[in-house]
PDB file of N, CA and C in Angstrom:
ATOM      1  N   LYS A   1     156.906  -0.207 172.079  1.00  0.00           N
ATOM      2  CA  LYS A   1     156.653  -1.190 173.113  1.00  0.00           C
ATOM      3  C   LYS A   1     157.083  -0.619 174.454  1.00  0.00           C
ATOM      4  N   GLY A   2     156.328  -0.917 175.472  1.00  0.00           N
ATOM      5  CA  GLY A   2     156.661  -0.442 176.804  1.00  0.00           C
ATOM      6  C   GLY A   2     155.442  -0.495 177.695  1.00  0.00           C
ATOM      7  N   LEU A   3     155.501   0.231 178.791  1.00  0.00           N
ATOM      8  CA  LEU A   3     154.397   0.230 179.753  1.00  0.00           C
ATOM      9  C   LEU A   3     153.082   0.669 179.145  1.00  0.00           C
ATOM     10  N   THR A   4     153.140   1.530 178.138  1.00  0.00           N
ATOM     11  CA  THR A   4     151.890   1.997 177.532  1.00  0.00           C
ATOM     12  C   THR A   4     151.102   0.854 176.915  1.00  0.00           C
ATOM     13  N   THR A   5     151.771  -0.240 176.534  1.00  0.00           N
ATOM     14  CA  THR A   5     151.036  -1.376 175.984  1.00  0.00           C
ATOM     15  C   THR A   5     150.139  -2.004 177.048  1.00  0.00           C
ATOM     16  N   LEU A   6     150.566  -1.947 178.310  1.00  0.00           N
ATOM     17  CA  LEU A   6     149.717  -2.471 179.382  1.00  0.00           C
ATOM     18  C   LEU A   6     148.509  -1.571 179.604  1.00  0.00           C
ATOM     19  N   LEU A   7     148.732  -0.262 179.539  1.00  0.00           N
ATOM     20  CA  LEU A   7     147.622   0.679 179.724  1.00  0.00           C
ATOM     21  C   LEU A   7     146.537   0.456 178.682  1.00  0.00           C
ATOM     22  N   THR A   8     146.943   0.336 177.428  1.00  0.00           N
ATOM     23  CA  THR A   8     145.948   0.190 176.361  1.00  0.00           C
ATOM     24  C   THR A   8     145.316  -1.196 176.343  1.00  0.00           C
ATOM     25  N   ALA A   9     145.989  -2.190 176.928  1.00  0.00           N
ATOM     26  CA  ALA A   9     145.436  -3.542 176.976  1.00  0.00           C
ATOM     27  C   ALA A   9     144.532  -3.771 178.183  1.00  0.00           C
ATOM     28  N   THR A  10     144.503  -2.844 179.118  1.00  0.00           N
ATOM     29  CA  THR A  10     143.723  -3.002 180.346  1.00  0.00           C
ATOM     30  C   THR A  10     142.232  -2.979 180.043  1.00  0.00           C
ATOM     31  N   THR A  11     141.533  -4.001 180.540  1.00  0.00           N
ATOM     32  CA  THR A  11     140.086  -4.079 180.352  1.00  0.00           C
ATOM     33  C   THR A  11     139.372  -3.729 181.650  1.00  0.00           C
ATOM     34  N   SER A  12     138.171  -3.235 181.523  1.00  0.00           N
ATOM     35  CA  SER A  12     137.324  -2.854 182.656  1.00  0.00           C
ATOM     36  C   SER A  12     138.039  -1.926 183.636  1.00  0.00           C
ATOM     37  N   PRO A  13     138.692  -0.867 183.143  1.00  0.00           N
ATOM     38  CA  PRO A  13     139.355   0.048 184.075  1.00  0.00           C
ATOM     39  C   PRO A  13     138.340   0.776 184.945  1.00  0.00           C
ATOM     40  N   ALA A  14     138.662   0.928 186.201  1.00  0.00           N
ATOM     41  CA  ALA A  14     137.777   1.612 187.143  1.00  0.00           C
ATOM     42  C   ALA A  14     138.620   2.470 188.078  1.00  0.00           C
ATOM     43  N   VAL A  15     138.128   3.655 188.350  1.00  0.00           N
ATOM     44  CA  VAL A  15     138.824   4.553 189.267  1.00  0.00           C
ATOM     45  C   VAL A  15     138.684   4.012 190.680  1.00  0.00           C
ATOM     46  N   GLY A  16     139.809   3.891 191.349  1.00  0.00           N
ATOM     47  CA  GLY A  16     139.812   3.454 192.741  1.00  0.00           C
ATOM     48  C   GLY A  16     139.927   4.665 193.641  1.00  0.00           C
ATOM     49  N   GLY A  17     140.540   4.484 194.756  1.00  0.00           N
ATOM     50  CA  GLY A  17     140.721   5.588 195.692  1.00  0.00           C
ATOM     51  C   GLY A  17     141.989   6.355 195.406  1.00  0.00           C
ATOM     52  N   GLN A  18     142.428   7.063 196.417  1.00  0.00           N
ATOM     53  CA  GLN A  18     143.674   7.805 196.311  1.00  0.00           C
ATOM     54  C   GLN A  18     144.673   7.219 197.290  1.00  0.00           C
ATOM     55  N   THR A  19     145.933   7.337 196.932  1.00  0.00           N
ATOM     56  CA  THR A  19     147.004   6.836 197.779  1.00  0.00           C
ATOM     57  C   THR A  19     148.158   7.828 197.748  1.00  0.00           C
ATOM     58  N   ARG A  20     148.940   7.822 198.772  1.00  0.00           N
ATOM     59  CA  ARG A  20     150.079   8.745 198.832  1.00  0.00           C
ATOM     60  C   ARG A  20     151.350   7.990 198.459  1.00  0.00           C
ATOM     61  N   GLN A  21     152.143   8.629 197.611  1.00  0.00           N
ATOM     62  CA  GLN A  21     153.474   8.116 197.276  1.00  0.00           C
ATOM     63  C   GLN A  21     154.448   9.262 197.492  1.00  0.00           C
ATOM     64  N   GLY A  22     155.139   9.228 198.596  1.00  0.00           N
ATOM     65  CA  GLY A  22     156.005  10.354 198.944  1.00  0.00           C
ATOM     66  C   GLY A  22     155.164  11.592 199.176  1.00  0.00           C
ATOM     67  N   SER A  23     155.495  12.666 198.480  1.00  0.00           N
ATOM     68  CA  SER A  23     154.753  13.918 198.642  1.00  0.00           C
ATOM     69  C   SER A  23     153.565  14.030 197.692  1.00  0.00           C
ATOM     70  N   GLU A  24     153.371  13.028 196.823  1.00  0.00           N
ATOM     71  CA  GLU A  24     152.297  13.097 195.834  1.00  0.00           C
ATOM     72  C   GLU A  24     151.099  12.240 196.237  1.00  0.00           C
ATOM     73  N   VAL A  25     149.926  12.716 195.880  1.00  0.00           N
ATOM     74  CA  VAL A  25     148.703  11.941 196.046  1.00  0.00           C
ATOM     75  C   VAL A  25     148.337  11.406 194.670  1.00  0.00           C
ATOM     76  N   LEU A  26     148.191  10.086 194.581  1.00  0.00           N
ATOM     77  CA  LEU A  26     147.901   9.443 193.307  1.00  0.00           C
ATOM     78  C   LEU A  26     146.476   8.925 193.275  1.00  0.00           C
ATOM     79  N   THR A  27     145.839   9.058 192.131  1.00  0.00           N
ATOM     80  CA  THR A  27     144.546   8.435 191.895  1.00  0.00           C
ATOM     81  C   THR A  27     144.817   7.066 191.289  1.00  0.00           C
ATOM     82  N   THR A  28     144.170   6.035 191.814  1.00  0.00           N
ATOM     83  CA  THR A  28     144.409   4.690 191.308  1.00  0.00           C
ATOM     84  C   THR A  28     143.352   4.300 190.287  1.00  0.00           C
ATOM     85  N   ILE A  29     143.815   3.600 189.266  1.00  0.00           N
ATOM     86  CA  ILE A  29     142.962   3.014 188.240  1.00  0.00           C
ATOM     87  C   ILE A  29     143.249   1.523 188.271  1.00  0.00           C
ATOM     88  N   LYS A  30     142.198   0.719 188.422  1.00  0.00           N
ATOM     89  CA  LYS A  30     142.377  -0.730 188.507  1.00  0.00           C
ATOM     90  C   LYS A  30     141.706  -1.404 187.327  1.00  0.00           C
ATOM     91  N   GLY A  31     142.305  -2.494 186.861  1.00  0.00           N
ATOM     92  CA  GLY A  31     141.732  -3.234 185.750  1.00  0.00           C
ATOM     93  C   GLY A  31     142.421  -4.577 185.585  1.00  0.00           C
ATOM     94  N   THR A  32     142.102  -5.243 184.487  1.00  0.00           N
ATOM     95  CA  THR A  32     142.653  -6.556 184.181  1.00  0.00           C
ATOM     96  C   THR A  32     143.444  -6.480 182.886  1.00  0.00           C
ATOM     97  N   VAL A  33     144.602  -7.115 182.882  1.00  0.00           N
ATOM     98  CA  VAL A  33     145.452  -7.138 181.692  1.00  0.00           C
ATOM     99  C   VAL A  33     145.570  -8.586 181.219  1.00  0.00           C
ATOM    100  N   PRO A  34     145.324  -8.848 179.936  1.00  0.00           N
ATOM    101  CA  PRO A  34     145.486 -10.203 179.410  1.00  0.00           C
ATOM    102  C   PRO A  34     146.938 -10.673 179.536  1.00  0.00           C
ATOM    103  N   GLY A  35     147.109 -11.954 179.806  1.00  0.00           N
ATOM    104  CA  GLY A  35     148.442 -12.511 179.967  1.00  0.00           C
ATOM    105  C   GLY A  35     149.356 -12.266 178.782  1.00  0.00           C
ATOM    106  N   LYS A  36     148.818 -12.299 177.580  1.00  0.00           N
ATOM    107  CA  LYS A  36     149.632 -12.089 176.372  1.00  0.00           C
ATOM    108  C   LYS A  36     150.317 -10.730 176.404  1.00  0.00           C
ATOM    109  N   ALA A  37     149.605  -9.685 176.841  1.00  0.00           N
ATOM    110  CA  ALA A  37     150.199  -8.340 176.912  1.00  0.00           C
ATOM    111  C   ALA A  37     151.341  -8.302 177.922  1.00  0.00           C
ATOM    112  N   VAL A  38     151.177  -9.013 179.032  1.00  0.00           N
ATOM    113  CA  VAL A  38     152.217  -9.048 180.067  1.00  0.00           C
ATOM    114  C   VAL A  38     153.436  -9.825 179.577  1.00  0.00           C
ATOM    115  N   THR A  39     153.206 -11.001 178.985  1.00  0.00           N
ATOM    116  CA  THR A  39     154.345 -11.805 178.526  1.00  0.00           C
ATOM    117  C   THR A  39     155.058 -11.159 177.343  1.00  0.00           C
ATOM    118  N   ASP A  40     154.337 -10.439 176.504  1.00  0.00           N
ATOM    119  CA  ASP A  40     154.988  -9.721 175.400  1.00  0.00           C
ATOM    120  C   ASP A  40     155.946  -8.658 175.925  1.00  0.00           C
ATOM    121  N   LEU A  41     155.600  -8.032 177.045  1.00  0.00           N
ATOM    122  CA  LEU A  41     156.436  -6.968 177.603  1.00  0.00           C
ATOM    123  C   LEU A  41     157.560  -7.510 178.485  1.00  0.00           C
ATOM    124  N   PHE A  42     157.228  -8.408 179.401  1.00  0.00           N
ATOM    125  CA  PHE A  42     158.203  -8.864 180.395  1.00  0.00           C
ATOM    126  C   PHE A  42     158.882 -10.192 180.055  1.00  0.00           C
ATOM    127  N   LEU A  43     158.369 -10.887 179.053  1.00  0.00           N
ATOM    128  CA  LEU A  43     158.917 -12.171 178.610  1.00  0.00           C
ATOM    129  C   LEU A  43     158.818 -13.271 179.660  1.00  0.00           C
ATOM    130  N   ILE A  44     157.948 -13.093 180.647  1.00  0.00           N
ATOM    131  CA  ILE A  44     157.647 -14.135 181.625  1.00  0.00           C
ATOM    132  C   ILE A  44     156.154 -14.079 181.907  1.00  0.00           C
ATOM    133  N   GLY A  45     155.627 -15.167 182.425  1.00  0.00           N
ATOM    134  CA  GLY A  45     154.224 -15.194 182.822  1.00  0.00           C
ATOM    135  C   GLY A  45     153.419 -16.169 181.994  1.00  0.00           C
ATOM    136  N   ASP A  46     152.198 -16.388 182.440  1.00  0.00           N
ATOM    137  CA  ASP A  46     151.255 -17.271 181.757  1.00  0.00           C
ATOM    138  C   ASP A  46     150.510 -16.452 180.709  1.00  0.00           C
ATOM    139  N   SER A  47     150.833 -16.667 179.441  1.00  0.00           N
ATOM    140  CA  SER A  47     150.216 -15.871 178.375  1.00  0.00           C
ATOM    141  C   SER A  47     148.724 -16.144 178.236  1.00  0.00           C
ATOM    142  N   ASN A  48     148.245 -17.253 178.792  1.00  0.00           N
ATOM    143  CA  ASN A  48     146.811 -17.567 178.742  1.00  0.00           C
ATOM    144  C   ASN A  48     146.065 -17.088 179.979  1.00  0.00           C
ATOM    145  N   GLY A  49     146.789 -16.599 180.961  1.00  0.00           N
ATOM    146  CA  GLY A  49     146.173 -16.137 182.203  1.00  0.00           C
ATOM    147  C   GLY A  49     145.763 -14.682 182.115  1.00  0.00           C
ATOM    148  N   SER A  50     145.400 -14.138 183.254  1.00  0.00           N
ATOM    149  CA  SER A  50     145.095 -12.708 183.326  1.00  0.00           C
ATOM    150  C   SER A  50     145.764 -12.141 184.575  1.00  0.00           C
ATOM    151  N   PHE A  51     146.037 -10.858 184.522  1.00  0.00           N
ATOM    152  CA  PHE A  51     146.756 -10.164 185.578  1.00  0.00           C
ATOM    153  C   PHE A  51     145.931  -8.977 186.034  1.00  0.00           C
ATOM    154  N   THR A  52     145.993  -8.672 187.319  1.00  0.00           N
ATOM    155  CA  THR A  52     145.352  -7.450 187.797  1.00  0.00           C
ATOM    156  C   THR A  52     146.396  -6.343 187.758  1.00  0.00           C
ATOM    157  N   ALA A  53     145.956  -5.162 187.400  1.00  0.00           N
ATOM    158  CA  ALA A  53     146.859  -4.021 187.324  1.00  0.00           C
ATOM    159  C   ALA A  53     146.251  -2.850 188.070  1.00  0.00           C
ATOM    160  N   THR A  54     147.092  -2.152 188.799  1.00  0.00           N
ATOM    161  CA  THR A  54     146.699  -0.915 189.463  1.00  0.00           C
ATOM    162  C   THR A  54     147.702   0.149 189.055  1.00  0.00           C
ATOM    163  N   TYR A  55     147.181   1.226 188.471  1.00  0.00           N
ATOM    164  CA  TYR A  55     148.016   2.331 188.006  1.00  0.00           C
ATOM    165  C   TYR A  55     147.814   3.518 188.940  1.00  0.00           C
ATOM    166  N   GLY A  56     148.884   4.207 189.275  1.00  0.00           N
ATOM    167  CA  GLY A  56     148.811   5.410 190.102  1.00  0.00           C
ATOM    168  C   GLY A  56     149.132   6.624 189.258  1.00  0.00           C
ATOM    169  N   LEU A  57     148.173   7.551 189.148  1.00  0.00           N
ATOM    170  CA  LEU A  57     148.326   8.744 188.322  1.00  0.00           C
ATOM    171  C   LEU A  57     148.290  10.005 189.170  1.00  0.00           C
ATOM    172  N   THR A  58     149.113  10.979 188.791  1.00  0.00           N
ATOM    173  CA  THR A  58     149.089  12.281 189.453  1.00  0.00           C
ATOM    174  C   THR A  58     147.913  13.089 188.907  1.00  0.00           C
ATOM    175  N   ASP A  59     147.654  14.246 189.516  1.00  0.00           N
ATOM    176  CA  ASP A  59     146.612  15.145 189.006  1.00  0.00           C
ATOM    177  C   ASP A  59     146.920  15.609 187.588  1.00  0.00           C
ATOM    178  N   ALA A  60     148.208  15.620 187.215  1.00  0.00           N
ATOM    179  CA  ALA A  60     148.626  16.016 185.863  1.00  0.00           C
ATOM    180  C   ALA A  60     148.582  14.828 184.893  1.00  0.00           C
ATOM    181  N   GLN A  61     148.012  13.699 185.352  1.00  0.00           N
ATOM    182  CA  GLN A  61     147.875  12.484 184.547  1.00  0.00           C
ATOM    183  C   GLN A  61     149.214  11.847 184.186  1.00  0.00           C
ATOM    184  N   GLU A  62     150.210  12.020 185.037  1.00  0.00           N
ATOM    185  CA  GLU A  62     151.495  11.366 184.841  1.00  0.00           C
ATOM    186  C   GLU A  62     151.488  10.043 185.599  1.00  0.00           C
ATOM    187  N   LEU A  63     151.907   8.985 184.932  1.00  0.00           N
ATOM    188  CA  LEU A  63     151.961   7.664 185.533  1.00  0.00           C
ATOM    189  C   LEU A  63     153.125   7.608 186.515  1.00  0.00           C
ATOM    190  N   ARG A  64     152.832   7.252 187.762  1.00  0.00           N
ATOM    191  CA  ARG A  64     153.866   7.196 188.794  1.00  0.00           C
ATOM    192  C   ARG A  64     154.100   5.785 189.332  1.00  0.00           C
ATOM    193  N   GLN A  65     153.078   4.939 189.248  1.00  0.00           N
ATOM    194  CA  GLN A  65     153.233   3.598 189.807  1.00  0.00           C
ATOM    195  C   GLN A  65     152.384   2.605 189.023  1.00  0.00           C
ATOM    196  N   VAL A  66     152.943   1.405 188.846  1.00  0.00           N
ATOM    197  CA  VAL A  66     152.217   0.298 188.228  1.00  0.00           C
ATOM    198  C   VAL A  66     152.416  -0.916 189.130  1.00  0.00           C
ATOM    199  N   VAL A  67     151.317  -1.525 189.551  1.00  0.00           N
ATOM    200  CA  VAL A  67     151.369  -2.753 190.343  1.00  0.00           C
ATOM    201  C   VAL A  67     150.665  -3.827 189.523  1.00  0.00           C
ATOM    202  N   ILE A  68     151.387  -4.895 189.196  1.00  0.00           N
ATOM    203  CA  ILE A  68     150.830  -5.982 188.390  1.00  0.00           C
ATOM    204  C   ILE A  68     150.925  -7.264 189.202  1.00  0.00           C
ATOM    205  N   ALA A  69     149.812  -7.974 189.290  1.00  0.00           N
ATOM    206  CA  ALA A  69     149.776  -9.226 190.042  1.00  0.00           C
ATOM    207  C   ALA A  69     149.168 -10.317 189.178  1.00  0.00           C
ATOM    208  N   GLY A  70     149.736 -11.511 189.276  1.00  0.00           N
ATOM    209  CA  GLY A  70     149.195 -12.626 188.512  1.00  0.00           C
ATOM    210  C   GLY A  70     150.205 -13.743 188.356  1.00  0.00           C
ATOM    211  N   PRO A  71     149.932 -14.639 187.411  1.00  0.00           N
ATOM    212  CA  PRO A  71     150.757 -15.842 187.235  1.00  0.00           C
ATOM    213  C   PRO A  71     152.043 -15.585 186.438  1.00  0.00           C
ATOM    214  N   PHE A  72     152.979 -14.861 187.044  1.00  0.00           N
ATOM    215  CA  PHE A  72     154.245 -14.577 186.365  1.00  0.00           C
ATOM    216  C   PHE A  72     155.078 -15.839 186.152  1.00  0.00           C
ATOM    217  N   PHE A  73     154.930 -16.807 187.041  1.00  0.00           N
ATOM    218  CA  PHE A  73     155.752 -18.011 186.952  1.00  0.00           C
ATOM    219  C   PHE A  73     154.920 -19.243 186.629  1.00  0.00           C
ATOM    220  N   GLY A  74     153.889 -19.054 185.808  1.00  0.00           N
ATOM    221  CA  GLY A  74     153.059 -20.149 185.345  1.00  0.00           C
ATOM    222  C   GLY A  74     151.712 -20.191 186.032  1.00  0.00           C
ATOM    223  N   ALA A  75     150.818 -20.958 185.426  1.00  0.00           N
ATOM    224  CA  ALA A  75     149.461 -21.103 185.954  1.00  0.00           C
ATOM    225  C   ALA A  75     149.514 -21.638 187.379  1.00  0.00           C
ATOM    226  N   GLY A  76     148.659 -21.106 188.225  1.00  0.00           N
ATOM    227  CA  GLY A  76     148.587 -21.553 189.609  1.00  0.00           C
ATOM    228  C   GLY A  76     149.515 -20.806 190.553  1.00  0.00           C
ATOM    229  N   SER A  77     150.400 -19.990 190.011  1.00  0.00           N
ATOM    230  CA  SER A  77     151.282 -19.195 190.866  1.00  0.00           C
ATOM    231  C   SER A  77     150.758 -17.766 190.916  1.00  0.00           C
ATOM    232  N   ALA A  78     151.156 -17.038 191.926  1.00  0.00           N
ATOM    233  CA  ALA A  78     150.748 -15.631 192.029  1.00  0.00           C
ATOM    234  C   ALA A  78     151.925 -14.815 192.544  1.00  0.00           C
ATOM    235  N   SER A  79     152.285 -13.811 191.795  1.00  0.00           N
ATOM    236  CA  SER A  79     153.366 -12.903 192.182  1.00  0.00           C
ATOM    237  C   SER A  79     152.917 -11.482 191.905  1.00  0.00           C
ATOM    238  N   THR A  80     153.518 -10.543 192.596  1.00  0.00           N
ATOM    239  CA  THR A  80     153.199  -9.128 192.401  1.00  0.00           C
ATOM    240  C   THR A  80     154.481  -8.361 192.138  1.00  0.00           C
ATOM    241  N   TYR A  81     154.430  -7.513 191.126  1.00  0.00           N
ATOM    242  CA  TYR A  81     155.545  -6.619 190.813  1.00  0.00           C
ATOM    243  C   TYR A  81     155.054  -5.188 190.919  1.00  0.00           C
ATOM    244  N   THR A  82     155.865  -4.344 191.548  1.00  0.00           N
ATOM    245  CA  THR A  82     155.552  -2.924 191.679  1.00  0.00           C
ATOM    246  C   THR A  82     156.648  -2.126 190.990  1.00  0.00           C
ATOM    247  N   LEU A  83     156.235  -1.273 190.074  1.00  0.00           N
ATOM    248  CA  LEU A  83     157.157  -0.405 189.354  1.00  0.00           C
ATOM    249  C   LEU A  83     156.853   1.029 189.738  1.00  0.00           C
ATOM    250  N   THR A  84     157.855   1.739 190.249  1.00  0.00           N
ATOM    251  CA  THR A  84     157.687   3.132 190.642  1.00  0.00           C
ATOM    252  C   THR A  84     158.444   4.016 189.660  1.00  0.00           C
ATOM    253  N   LEU A  85     157.759   5.017 189.140  1.00  0.00           N
ATOM    254  CA  LEU A  85     158.351   5.953 188.184  1.00  0.00           C
ATOM    255  C   LEU A  85     158.533   7.300 188.868  1.00  0.00           C
ATOM    256  N   ASP A  86     159.725   7.847 188.772  1.00  0.00           N
ATOM    257  CA  ASP A  86     159.976   9.157 189.365  1.00  0.00           C
ATOM    258  C   ASP A  86     160.941   9.936 188.474  1.00  0.00           C
ATOM    259  N   GLN A  87     161.264  11.127 188.883  1.00  0.00           N
ATOM    260  CA  GLN A  87     162.184  12.007 188.169  1.00  0.00           C
ATOM    261  C   GLN A  87     161.710  12.314 186.745  1.00  0.00           C
ATOM    262  N   TYR A  88     160.400  12.590 186.599  1.00  0.00           N
ATOM    263  CA  TYR A  88     159.862  12.964 185.293  1.00  0.00           C
ATOM    264  C   TYR A  88     160.617  14.162 184.734  1.00  0.00           C
ATOM    265  N   GLY A  89     160.950  14.096 183.466  1.00  0.00           N
ATOM    266  CA  GLY A  89     161.600  15.206 182.793  1.00  0.00           C
ATOM    267  C   GLY A  89     163.093  15.303 183.033  1.00  0.00           C
ATOM    268  N   GLN A  90     163.641  14.426 183.852  1.00  0.00           N
ATOM    269  CA  GLN A  90     165.072  14.452 184.143  1.00  0.00           C
ATOM    270  C   GLN A  90     165.811  13.570 183.136  1.00  0.00           C
ATOM    271  N   PRO A  91     166.972  14.013 182.662  1.00  0.00           N
ATOM    272  CA  PRO A  91     167.750  13.155 181.765  1.00  0.00           C
ATOM    273  C   PRO A  91     168.288  11.949 182.539  1.00  0.00           C
ATOM    274  N   VAL A  92     168.298  10.813 181.891  1.00  0.00           N
ATOM    275  CA  VAL A  92     168.815   9.595 182.513  1.00  0.00           C
ATOM    276  C   VAL A  92     169.807   8.933 181.566  1.00  0.00           C
ATOM    277  N   THR A  93     170.696   8.172 182.141  1.00  0.00           N
ATOM    278  CA  THR A  93     171.635   7.391 181.357  1.00  0.00           C
ATOM    279  C   THR A  93     171.255   5.927 181.497  1.00  0.00           C
ATOM    280  N   ILE A  94     171.052   5.285 180.379  1.00  0.00           N
ATOM    281  CA  ILE A  94     170.718   3.864 180.384  1.00  0.00           C
ATOM    282  C   ILE A  94     171.922   3.111 179.844  1.00  0.00           C
ATOM    283  N   THR A  95     172.417   2.178 180.641  1.00  0.00           N
ATOM    284  CA  THR A  95     173.570   1.399 180.208  1.00  0.00           C
ATOM    285  C   THR A  95     173.149  -0.028 179.912  1.00  0.00           C
ATOM    286  N   LYS A  96     173.771  -0.577 178.921  1.00  0.00           N
ATOM    287  CA  LYS A  96     173.489  -1.946 178.520  1.00  0.00           C
ATOM    288  C   LYS A  96     173.965  -2.902 179.613  1.00  0.00           C
ATOM    289  N   PRO A  97     173.151  -3.893 179.976  1.00  0.00           N
ATOM    290  CA  PRO A  97     173.580  -4.830 181.028  1.00  0.00           C
ATOM    291  C   PRO A  97     174.760  -5.673 180.581  1.00  0.00           C
TER     292      PRO A  97
END
């Protein structure tokens, strides 16, 4: 379980333009993610709704950014979350909250 579940659940993916994130140029992929996939991952949102997703990929096909917009706080609401991924290949320490 993780971000890859959103990638595989994305419907009608389409290549968008390019955008710069720091020193990298990312190719954007846009699509729609069913609410169930979003709520299964984040435990919030309208599971019956749909969310728009924009993924930013490097030329090496590494995922660097995910922007998800939709009814995170119930039907009729609209919120956007942006997740930025960096330091690929670097060891990290994850501590329990």
